[in-house]
Every structure is written in structure tokens, then in C-alpha cells.
Amino acid sequence: MQRRNLLKTAALGFGGMVTFPIWAESWNKTSFSNLNFTMADDALLAEIVGTIIPETSTPGAKSLGVHKLIQKLVSDCQGKEAENKLIGDLSKLQILSKNTKGGTFESLSSDKKLVFFKSLEKNEELKDFYSKMKRMTIDGYMKSEYVMTNITKYEYAPARWNGCVII
């Protein structure tokens, strides 16, 4: 009986090893990406994270690609409804920017972008969007490889232990 189970398992494993390369050959970057963000949404989100954490002597959130992380997190972890809400909030922000500032958010100067973005905290429609963008940008920035290795000095296996030291 055990020999029969062993032969079945071996045959299944061998069949999987033979068919896996054929199946995996069709994989590419776009087959794993199911993002519904347009180029305009991507550019606007990049400007927003660049406004929250701008470039200084260290790279800003935009150059570290935090906007891509936010898109991926919203799409993969929060579902289609949250993704559609984020896209809708981005278009509301763009409309509000055109109505109040006379131009798109991207066309504003960095000082005007900051003032306009901070004004969203008092806007009833976009208050949640403001706090969510701020929180996700800071989280994504602090968890980026650059910040973890160069600023916070993250160690993969921290806490050395010396067995001969008695506390």
C-alpha cells in the first residue's frame, strides 16, 4: 500500500516538474499586474507623495517609488472598492485644484501644492483621503530599502548575543 502511494506521489511530482516550465513560460510583468490606475493617476499620486515627503539631501518619496507601493497595496490588499475610491478621490482632488487654484495639482509650485494639500484636512469630502495618503506615504517611505539601510541602519539579523556575558 505504501509503495503504491509513493509511486503516485512520484508520478504527480514528475508530471508537475515537466508541465511547470510550459505553464510558467507565459508569465510576464503585466500578467501579475491588475492595476486600474491610468498614467494621469500615477503622475498625480507621485506628485502627492512628493509633496508630503519632498526631496532634500535624501531622496523624497516620489523618487523612491512610494506612489507605486501605494497603488499596489490598495489594489492587492484592500480590494477593488478601495481602488475605485482612491481613483475617485484623485479625480476629486484634481477638480478641486482646478476650481480653487486655476490649474492642475501637478502644475502648482511646490509651496502652493503643500498649502493646497494641507487644506484638504478641512475639506469634508477629502479629509479621509488626506489622512490616508499621509499615513501610507510615511509608512511606505520609512519601509523603503533606502531608508531602512541608509538612515535607520536596519540589520537583517540584529541583536548580537554573547553567551559569556551575564546580565
N, C-alpha and C. Protein backbone atom coordinates (compact mmCIF):
# COMPACT_ATOMS: atom_id res chain seq x y z
N MET A 1 0.82 -1.20 0.00
CA MET A 1 0.00 0.00 0.00
C MET A 1 0.87 1.26 0.00
N GLN A 2 1.94 1.25 0.80
CA GLN A 2 2.79 2.42 0.86
C GLN A 2 3.56 2.63 -0.45
N ARG A 3 3.90 1.50 -1.08
CA ARG A 3 4.62 1.61 -2.35
C ARG A 3 3.74 2.25 -3.41
N ARG A 4 2.45 1.92 -3.41
CA ARG A 4 1.50 2.49 -4.37
C ARG A 4 1.37 4.00 -4.16
N ASN A 5 1.26 4.44 -2.90
CA ASN A 5 1.20 5.88 -2.59
C ASN A 5 2.49 6.59 -2.98
N LEU A 6 3.60 5.93 -2.77
CA LEU A 6 4.89 6.51 -3.15
C LEU A 6 4.98 6.69 -4.66
N LEU A 7 4.53 5.69 -5.40
CA LEU A 7 4.58 5.78 -6.86
C LEU A 7 3.62 6.86 -7.38
N LYS A 8 2.44 6.98 -6.77
CA LYS A 8 1.50 8.05 -7.16
C LYS A 8 2.11 9.42 -6.92
N THR A 9 2.68 9.60 -5.75
CA THR A 9 3.28 10.89 -5.39
C THR A 9 4.45 11.23 -6.32
N ALA A 10 5.28 10.24 -6.61
CA ALA A 10 6.42 10.45 -7.50
C ALA A 10 5.95 10.82 -8.91
N ALA A 11 4.90 10.11 -9.39
CA ALA A 11 4.37 10.40 -10.72
C ALA A 11 3.78 11.81 -10.78
N LEU A 12 3.05 12.20 -9.74
CA LEU A 12 2.49 13.55 -9.69
C LEU A 12 3.60 14.61 -9.65
N GLY A 13 4.60 14.38 -8.84
CA GLY A 13 5.73 15.32 -8.75
C GLY A 13 6.46 15.45 -10.07
N PHE A 14 6.71 14.31 -10.72
CA PHE A 14 7.40 14.34 -12.01
C PHE A 14 6.55 15.04 -13.06
N GLY A 15 5.24 14.78 -13.07
CA GLY A 15 4.34 15.44 -14.02
C GLY A 15 4.31 16.94 -13.80
N GLY A 16 4.33 17.35 -12.53
CA GLY A 16 4.36 18.79 -12.22
C GLY A 16 5.65 19.43 -12.68
N MET A 17 6.77 18.72 -12.50
CA MET A 17 8.06 19.27 -12.93
C MET A 17 8.14 19.42 -14.44
N VAL A 18 7.49 18.53 -15.16
CA VAL A 18 7.51 18.58 -16.63
C VAL A 18 6.61 19.72 -17.13
N THR A 19 5.43 19.89 -16.53
CA THR A 19 4.49 20.88 -17.05
C THR A 19 4.73 22.29 -16.51
N PHE A 20 5.41 22.45 -15.40
CA PHE A 20 5.61 23.78 -14.82
C PHE A 20 6.33 24.74 -15.75
N PRO A 21 7.44 24.36 -16.40
CA PRO A 21 8.10 25.33 -17.31
C PRO A 21 7.20 25.79 -18.46
N ILE A 22 6.37 24.89 -18.96
CA ILE A 22 5.46 25.25 -20.05
C ILE A 22 4.43 26.26 -19.56
N TRP A 23 3.92 26.04 -18.37
CA TRP A 23 2.92 26.93 -17.78
C TRP A 23 3.54 28.28 -17.41
N ALA A 24 4.74 28.25 -16.85
CA ALA A 24 5.38 29.48 -16.38
C ALA A 24 5.96 30.31 -17.52
N GLU A 25 6.11 29.73 -18.69
CA GLU A 25 6.68 30.45 -19.83
C GLU A 25 5.84 31.66 -20.23
N SER A 26 4.54 31.59 -20.00
CA SER A 26 3.65 32.68 -20.40
C SER A 26 3.61 33.82 -19.38
N TRP A 27 4.32 33.68 -18.28
CA TRP A 27 4.33 34.72 -17.26
C TRP A 27 5.12 35.93 -17.75
N ASN A 28 4.64 37.12 -17.43
CA ASN A 28 5.38 38.35 -17.67
C ASN A 28 4.93 39.37 -16.62
N LYS A 29 5.52 40.55 -16.66
CA LYS A 29 5.19 41.56 -15.65
C LYS A 29 3.73 41.95 -15.67
N THR A 30 3.15 42.05 -16.83
CA THR A 30 1.77 42.51 -16.91
C THR A 30 0.77 41.44 -16.48
N SER A 31 1.17 40.17 -16.53
CA SER A 31 0.24 39.13 -16.10
C SER A 31 0.03 39.15 -14.59
N PHE A 32 0.95 39.75 -13.85
CA PHE A 32 0.82 39.86 -12.41
C PHE A 32 0.23 41.19 -11.99
N SER A 33 0.15 42.12 -12.88
CA SER A 33 -0.34 43.46 -12.55
C SER A 33 -1.80 43.59 -12.95
N ASN A 34 -2.63 43.94 -11.97
CA ASN A 34 -4.04 44.15 -12.27
C ASN A 34 -4.46 45.55 -11.84
N LEU A 35 -3.56 46.50 -11.96
CA LEU A 35 -3.83 47.86 -11.53
C LEU A 35 -4.68 48.59 -12.55
N ASN A 36 -5.64 49.35 -12.07
CA ASN A 36 -6.51 50.12 -12.95
C ASN A 36 -6.15 51.60 -12.98
N PHE A 37 -4.99 51.96 -12.48
CA PHE A 37 -4.57 53.35 -12.44
C PHE A 37 -4.07 53.78 -13.81
N THR A 38 -4.52 54.94 -14.26
CA THR A 38 -4.05 55.48 -15.53
C THR A 38 -2.72 56.19 -15.31
N MET A 39 -2.11 56.62 -16.41
CA MET A 39 -0.84 57.35 -16.30
C MET A 39 -1.06 58.67 -15.55
N ALA A 40 -2.21 59.31 -15.77
CA ALA A 40 -2.51 60.57 -15.09
C ALA A 40 -2.68 60.34 -13.59
N ASP A 41 -3.34 59.24 -13.20
CA ASP A 41 -3.48 58.92 -11.78
C ASP A 41 -2.12 58.65 -11.16
N ASP A 42 -1.27 57.93 -11.89
CA ASP A 42 0.07 57.62 -11.40
C ASP A 42 0.88 58.90 -11.20
N ALA A 43 0.82 59.81 -12.17
CA ALA A 43 1.56 61.07 -12.07
C ALA A 43 1.04 61.93 -10.92
N LEU A 44 -0.27 61.97 -10.75
CA LEU A 44 -0.86 62.76 -9.66
C LEU A 44 -0.49 62.17 -8.31
N LEU A 45 -0.55 60.86 -8.18
CA LEU A 45 -0.17 60.22 -6.92
C LEU A 45 1.31 60.43 -6.62
N ALA A 46 2.14 60.43 -7.66
CA ALA A 46 3.57 60.69 -7.48
C ALA A 46 3.79 62.12 -6.97
N GLU A 47 3.04 63.07 -7.49
CA GLU A 47 3.17 64.46 -7.03
C GLU A 47 2.69 64.61 -5.59
N ILE A 48 1.65 63.87 -5.22
CA ILE A 48 1.14 63.96 -3.85
C ILE A 48 2.16 63.43 -2.86
N VAL A 49 2.74 62.25 -3.14
CA VAL A 49 3.73 61.72 -2.20
C VAL A 49 4.99 62.57 -2.21
N GLY A 50 5.30 63.18 -3.36
CA GLY A 50 6.45 64.10 -3.43
C GLY A 50 6.19 65.38 -2.65
N THR A 51 4.94 65.76 -2.49
CA THR A 51 4.59 66.93 -1.69
C THR A 51 4.68 66.61 -0.21
N ILE A 52 4.27 65.40 0.16
CA ILE A 52 4.30 65.02 1.57
C ILE A 52 5.73 64.85 2.06
N ILE A 53 6.54 64.13 1.31
CA ILE A 53 7.96 63.96 1.66
C ILE A 53 8.79 64.38 0.45
N PRO A 54 9.20 65.66 0.41
CA PRO A 54 9.93 66.16 -0.76
C PRO A 54 11.41 65.76 -0.74
N GLU A 55 12.05 66.02 -1.86
CA GLU A 55 13.49 65.77 -1.99
C GLU A 55 14.25 66.77 -1.12
N THR A 56 15.21 66.29 -0.38
CA THR A 56 16.15 67.14 0.37
C THR A 56 17.53 66.56 0.09
N SER A 57 18.37 66.49 1.10
CA SER A 57 19.65 65.83 0.90
C SER A 57 19.47 64.32 0.74
N THR A 58 18.30 63.84 1.14
CA THR A 58 17.94 62.43 0.91
C THR A 58 16.85 62.37 -0.16
N PRO A 59 16.71 61.24 -0.81
CA PRO A 59 15.66 61.13 -1.83
C PRO A 59 14.27 61.27 -1.20
N GLY A 60 13.36 61.85 -1.96
CA GLY A 60 11.99 62.01 -1.49
C GLY A 60 11.16 60.78 -1.78
N ALA A 61 9.90 60.84 -1.38
CA ALA A 61 9.00 59.70 -1.55
C ALA A 61 8.75 59.40 -3.03
N LYS A 62 8.72 60.44 -3.84
CA LYS A 62 8.46 60.25 -5.28
C LYS A 62 9.60 59.47 -5.93
N SER A 63 10.82 59.85 -5.64
CA SER A 63 11.96 59.18 -6.28
C SER A 63 12.18 57.76 -5.74
N LEU A 64 11.66 57.47 -4.53
CA LEU A 64 11.77 56.12 -4.00
C LEU A 64 10.62 55.22 -4.46
N GLY A 65 9.67 55.79 -5.21
CA GLY A 65 8.58 54.99 -5.78
C GLY A 65 7.49 54.62 -4.79
N VAL A 66 7.28 55.47 -3.79
CA VAL A 66 6.25 55.19 -2.79
C VAL A 66 4.87 55.18 -3.43
N HIS A 67 4.67 55.99 -4.47
CA HIS A 67 3.36 56.01 -5.14
C HIS A 67 3.03 54.65 -5.78
N LYS A 68 4.03 53.97 -6.29
CA LYS A 68 3.82 52.64 -6.86
C LYS A 68 3.44 51.64 -5.76
N LEU A 69 4.08 51.77 -4.61
CA LEU A 69 3.76 50.91 -3.48
C LEU A 69 2.33 51.14 -3.01
N ILE A 70 1.91 52.39 -2.94
CA ILE A 70 0.54 52.70 -2.52
C ILE A 70 -0.46 52.08 -3.50
N GLN A 71 -0.20 52.21 -4.78
CA GLN A 71 -1.09 51.61 -5.78
C GLN A 71 -1.19 50.11 -5.59
N LYS A 72 -0.05 49.48 -5.39
CA LYS A 72 -0.02 48.02 -5.24
C LYS A 72 -0.72 47.59 -3.96
N LEU A 73 -0.49 48.31 -2.87
CA LEU A 73 -1.13 47.97 -1.60
C LEU A 73 -2.65 48.11 -1.69
N VAL A 74 -3.09 49.19 -2.28
CA VAL A 74 -4.54 49.41 -2.39
C VAL A 74 -5.16 48.35 -3.29
N SER A 75 -4.53 48.04 -4.40
CA SER A 75 -5.09 47.06 -5.34
C SER A 75 -5.09 45.65 -4.76
N ASP A 76 -3.97 45.25 -4.19
CA ASP A 76 -3.83 43.86 -3.75
C ASP A 76 -4.42 43.59 -2.37
N CYS A 77 -4.30 44.53 -1.47
CA CYS A 77 -4.67 44.27 -0.08
C CYS A 77 -6.03 44.81 0.31
N GLN A 78 -6.50 45.86 -0.34
CA GLN A 78 -7.74 46.48 0.09
C GLN A 78 -8.91 46.21 -0.85
N GLY A 79 -8.65 45.71 -2.01
CA GLY A 79 -9.73 45.31 -2.91
C GLY A 79 -10.13 46.36 -3.93
N LYS A 80 -11.04 45.95 -4.79
CA LYS A 80 -11.48 46.77 -5.91
C LYS A 80 -12.22 48.03 -5.45
N GLU A 81 -13.01 47.90 -4.39
CA GLU A 81 -13.77 49.04 -3.90
C GLU A 81 -12.84 50.16 -3.42
N ALA A 82 -11.79 49.81 -2.68
CA ALA A 82 -10.84 50.81 -2.20
C ALA A 82 -10.05 51.42 -3.35
N GLU A 83 -9.73 50.60 -4.35
CA GLU A 83 -9.02 51.10 -5.52
C GLU A 83 -9.87 52.12 -6.27
N ASN A 84 -11.14 51.81 -6.47
CA ASN A 84 -12.04 52.74 -7.15
C ASN A 84 -12.23 54.02 -6.34
N LYS A 85 -12.29 53.90 -5.01
CA LYS A 85 -12.42 55.08 -4.16
C LYS A 85 -11.18 55.97 -4.27
N LEU A 86 -10.00 55.35 -4.28
CA LEU A 86 -8.77 56.13 -4.41
C LEU A 86 -8.73 56.85 -5.76
N ILE A 87 -9.10 56.17 -6.82
CA ILE A 87 -9.11 56.79 -8.15
C ILE A 87 -10.13 57.93 -8.19
N GLY A 88 -11.29 57.72 -7.56
CA GLY A 88 -12.30 58.79 -7.49
C GLY A 88 -11.82 59.98 -6.68
N ASP A 89 -11.13 59.71 -5.55
CA ASP A 89 -10.60 60.81 -4.74
C ASP A 89 -9.51 61.58 -5.47
N LEU A 90 -8.71 60.88 -6.28
CA LEU A 90 -7.69 61.57 -7.07
C LEU A 90 -8.34 62.52 -8.08
N SER A 91 -9.42 62.07 -8.70
CA SER A 91 -10.10 62.95 -9.67
C SER A 91 -10.79 64.12 -8.95
N LYS A 92 -11.34 63.88 -7.75
CA LYS A 92 -11.94 64.97 -6.97
C LYS A 92 -10.88 66.01 -6.60
N LEU A 93 -9.69 65.53 -6.22
CA LEU A 93 -8.59 66.44 -5.88
C LEU A 93 -8.21 67.27 -7.09
N GLN A 94 -8.16 66.65 -8.25
CA GLN A 94 -7.79 67.37 -9.47
C GLN A 94 -8.85 68.43 -9.81
N ILE A 95 -10.12 68.08 -9.66
CA ILE A 95 -11.20 69.03 -9.94
C ILE A 95 -11.16 70.19 -8.95
N LEU A 96 -10.95 69.88 -7.67
CA LEU A 96 -10.86 70.92 -6.65
C LEU A 96 -9.68 71.84 -6.90
N SER A 97 -8.58 71.27 -7.34
CA SER A 97 -7.39 72.08 -7.66
C SER A 97 -7.67 73.02 -8.83
N LYS A 98 -8.35 72.52 -9.84
CA LYS A 98 -8.67 73.36 -11.00
C LYS A 98 -9.63 74.47 -10.62
N ASN A 99 -10.60 74.17 -9.76
CA ASN A 99 -11.59 75.16 -9.36
C ASN A 99 -11.03 76.23 -8.42
N THR A 100 -10.18 75.84 -7.48
CA THR A 100 -9.68 76.79 -6.49
C THR A 100 -8.37 77.45 -6.89
N LYS A 101 -7.48 76.69 -7.51
CA LYS A 101 -6.16 77.23 -7.84
C LYS A 101 -5.99 77.59 -9.30
N GLY A 102 -6.94 77.20 -10.13
CA GLY A 102 -6.88 77.56 -11.54
C GLY A 102 -6.01 76.67 -12.39
N GLY A 103 -5.56 75.55 -11.85
CA GLY A 103 -4.73 74.64 -12.63
C GLY A 103 -4.68 73.28 -11.99
N THR A 104 -4.05 72.34 -12.70
CA THR A 104 -3.93 71.00 -12.14
C THR A 104 -2.98 71.01 -10.96
N PHE A 105 -3.07 69.98 -10.14
CA PHE A 105 -2.20 69.87 -8.97
C PHE A 105 -0.73 69.82 -9.37
N GLU A 106 -0.45 69.11 -10.47
CA GLU A 106 0.94 68.98 -10.92
C GLU A 106 1.52 70.31 -11.38
N SER A 107 0.68 71.23 -11.87
CA SER A 107 1.18 72.50 -12.41
C SER A 107 1.46 73.53 -11.31
N LEU A 108 1.02 73.29 -10.08
CA LEU A 108 1.25 74.24 -8.99
C LEU A 108 2.70 74.21 -8.55
N SER A 109 3.16 75.31 -7.97
CA SER A 109 4.51 75.34 -7.41
C SER A 109 4.53 74.49 -6.15
N SER A 110 5.71 74.13 -5.69
CA SER A 110 5.81 73.23 -4.54
C SER A 110 5.19 73.85 -3.28
N ASP A 111 5.33 75.16 -3.09
CA ASP A 111 4.72 75.81 -1.92
C ASP A 111 3.20 75.78 -2.01
N LYS A 112 2.67 76.06 -3.20
CA LYS A 112 1.22 76.05 -3.38
C LYS A 112 0.65 74.63 -3.25
N LYS A 113 1.42 73.63 -3.73
CA LYS A 113 0.99 72.25 -3.57
C LYS A 113 0.84 71.90 -2.09
N LEU A 114 1.82 72.30 -1.31
CA LEU A 114 1.80 71.99 0.12
C LEU A 114 0.63 72.67 0.82
N VAL A 115 0.41 73.94 0.52
CA VAL A 115 -0.71 74.67 1.13
C VAL A 115 -2.03 74.06 0.69
N PHE A 116 -2.15 73.75 -0.59
CA PHE A 116 -3.39 73.15 -1.09
C PHE A 116 -3.63 71.78 -0.47
N PHE A 117 -2.58 70.97 -0.38
CA PHE A 117 -2.74 69.63 0.18
C PHE A 117 -3.11 69.68 1.66
N LYS A 118 -2.51 70.62 2.39
CA LYS A 118 -2.87 70.77 3.81
C LYS A 118 -4.31 71.25 3.98
N SER A 119 -4.81 72.00 3.01
CA SER A 119 -6.20 72.48 3.09
C SER A 119 -7.20 71.34 2.96
N LEU A 120 -6.77 70.20 2.44
CA LEU A 120 -7.67 69.05 2.31
C LEU A 120 -8.06 68.48 3.67
N GLU A 121 -7.28 68.78 4.69
CA GLU A 121 -7.59 68.29 6.03
C GLU A 121 -8.92 68.86 6.53
N LYS A 122 -9.26 70.05 6.07
CA LYS A 122 -10.51 70.70 6.48
C LYS A 122 -11.65 70.44 5.51
N ASN A 123 -11.36 69.83 4.37
CA ASN A 123 -12.37 69.52 3.37
C ASN A 123 -13.11 68.25 3.78
N GLU A 124 -14.41 68.35 3.93
CA GLU A 124 -15.21 67.20 4.40
C GLU A 124 -15.14 66.02 3.43
N GLU A 125 -15.11 66.30 2.13
CA GLU A 125 -15.11 65.24 1.13
C GLU A 125 -13.79 64.50 1.06
N LEU A 126 -12.69 65.22 1.24
CA LEU A 126 -11.36 64.62 1.05
C LEU A 126 -10.54 64.51 2.33
N LYS A 127 -11.18 64.65 3.49
CA LYS A 127 -10.45 64.56 4.76
C LYS A 127 -9.85 63.16 4.95
N ASP A 128 -10.63 62.13 4.67
CA ASP A 128 -10.13 60.76 4.81
C ASP A 128 -9.01 60.47 3.81
N PHE A 129 -9.16 60.98 2.61
CA PHE A 129 -8.13 60.82 1.59
C PHE A 129 -6.82 61.46 2.05
N TYR A 130 -6.92 62.65 2.63
CA TYR A 130 -5.73 63.36 3.13
C TYR A 130 -5.00 62.52 4.18
N SER A 131 -5.73 62.04 5.18
CA SER A 131 -5.07 61.29 6.25
C SER A 131 -4.54 59.95 5.75
N LYS A 132 -5.27 59.32 4.83
CA LYS A 132 -4.82 58.04 4.29
C LYS A 132 -3.54 58.21 3.47
N MET A 133 -3.49 59.24 2.63
CA MET A 133 -2.31 59.48 1.81
C MET A 133 -1.09 59.80 2.68
N LYS A 134 -1.33 60.60 3.70
CA LYS A 134 -0.24 60.97 4.59
C LYS A 134 0.31 59.73 5.31
N ARG A 135 -0.59 58.93 5.85
CA ARG A 135 -0.18 57.73 6.59
C ARG A 135 0.53 56.73 5.68
N MET A 136 -0.05 56.47 4.51
CA MET A 136 0.54 55.48 3.60
C MET A 136 1.88 55.95 3.03
N THR A 137 2.00 57.25 2.80
CA THR A 137 3.26 57.78 2.28
C THR A 137 4.36 57.66 3.33
N ILE A 138 4.07 58.02 4.55
CA ILE A 138 5.08 57.93 5.62
C ILE A 138 5.45 56.47 5.86
N ASP A 139 4.46 55.59 5.92
CA ASP A 139 4.75 54.16 6.11
C ASP A 139 5.60 53.61 4.98
N GLY A 140 5.21 53.90 3.74
CA GLY A 140 5.95 53.41 2.59
C GLY A 140 7.36 53.96 2.53
N TYR A 141 7.52 55.23 2.88
CA TYR A 141 8.84 55.84 2.87
C TYR A 141 9.74 55.22 3.93
N MET A 142 9.19 55.07 5.13
CA MET A 142 10.01 54.52 6.22
C MET A 142 10.34 53.05 6.01
N LYS A 143 9.58 52.35 5.21
CA LYS A 143 9.84 50.93 4.95
C LYS A 143 10.56 50.70 3.63
N SER A 144 10.98 51.77 2.98
CA SER A 144 11.71 51.61 1.71
C SER A 144 13.13 51.11 2.00
N GLU A 145 13.71 50.48 1.01
CA GLU A 145 15.05 49.92 1.18
C GLU A 145 16.07 51.01 1.50
N TYR A 146 15.98 52.15 0.81
CA TYR A 146 16.93 53.23 1.04
C TYR A 146 16.90 53.70 2.49
N VAL A 147 15.72 53.97 3.01
CA VAL A 147 15.59 54.48 4.38
C VAL A 147 16.02 53.42 5.38
N MET A 148 15.60 52.19 5.16
CA MET A 148 15.92 51.12 6.12
C MET A 148 17.43 50.84 6.18
N THR A 149 18.13 50.95 5.06
CA THR A 149 19.56 50.62 5.07
C THR A 149 20.44 51.83 5.33
N ASN A 150 20.06 53.01 4.84
CA ASN A 150 20.95 54.17 4.94
C ASN A 150 20.62 55.12 6.09
N ILE A 151 19.38 55.18 6.50
CA ILE A 151 19.01 56.15 7.53
C ILE A 151 18.79 55.47 8.88
N THR A 152 17.97 54.43 8.91
CA THR A 152 17.70 53.77 10.19
C THR A 152 18.67 52.65 10.49
N LYS A 153 19.56 52.33 9.57
CA LYS A 153 20.57 51.28 9.74
C LYS A 153 19.95 49.95 10.14
N TYR A 154 18.99 49.53 9.35
CA TYR A 154 18.31 48.26 9.58
C TYR A 154 19.29 47.12 9.42
N GLU A 155 19.24 46.17 10.33
CA GLU A 155 20.06 44.97 10.23
C GLU A 155 19.14 43.78 10.06
N TYR A 156 19.48 42.92 9.12
CA TYR A 156 18.62 41.78 8.83
C TYR A 156 18.53 40.84 10.04
N ALA A 157 19.64 40.61 10.70
CA ALA A 157 19.65 39.74 11.88
C ALA A 157 20.28 40.52 13.04
N PRO A 158 19.49 41.36 13.70
CA PRO A 158 20.05 42.20 14.76
C PRO A 158 20.19 41.45 16.09
N ALA A 159 20.58 42.17 17.08
CA ALA A 159 20.67 41.68 18.46
C ALA A 159 21.71 40.58 18.60
N ARG A 160 22.96 40.99 18.55
CA ARG A 160 24.03 40.01 18.77
C ARG A 160 23.91 39.46 20.19
N TRP A 161 24.26 38.22 20.31
CA TRP A 161 24.16 37.58 21.62
C TRP A 161 25.52 37.03 21.98
N ASN A 162 26.02 37.49 23.08
CA ASN A 162 27.28 36.97 23.59
C ASN A 162 26.97 36.08 24.77
N GLY A 163 27.22 34.82 24.61
CA GLY A 163 26.88 33.86 25.65
C GLY A 163 27.67 33.99 26.92
N CYS A 164 28.84 34.63 26.83
CA CYS A 164 29.67 34.73 28.01
C CYS A 164 29.34 35.94 28.88
N VAL A 165 28.42 36.78 28.43
CA VAL A 165 28.07 37.99 29.19
C VAL A 165 26.89 37.69 30.09
N ILE A 166 27.06 37.98 31.37
CA ILE A 166 26.00 37.77 32.34
C ILE A 166 25.39 39.12 32.69
N ILE A 167 24.11 39.19 32.66
CA ILE A 167 23.43 40.47 32.94
C ILE A 167 23.13 40.57 34.40
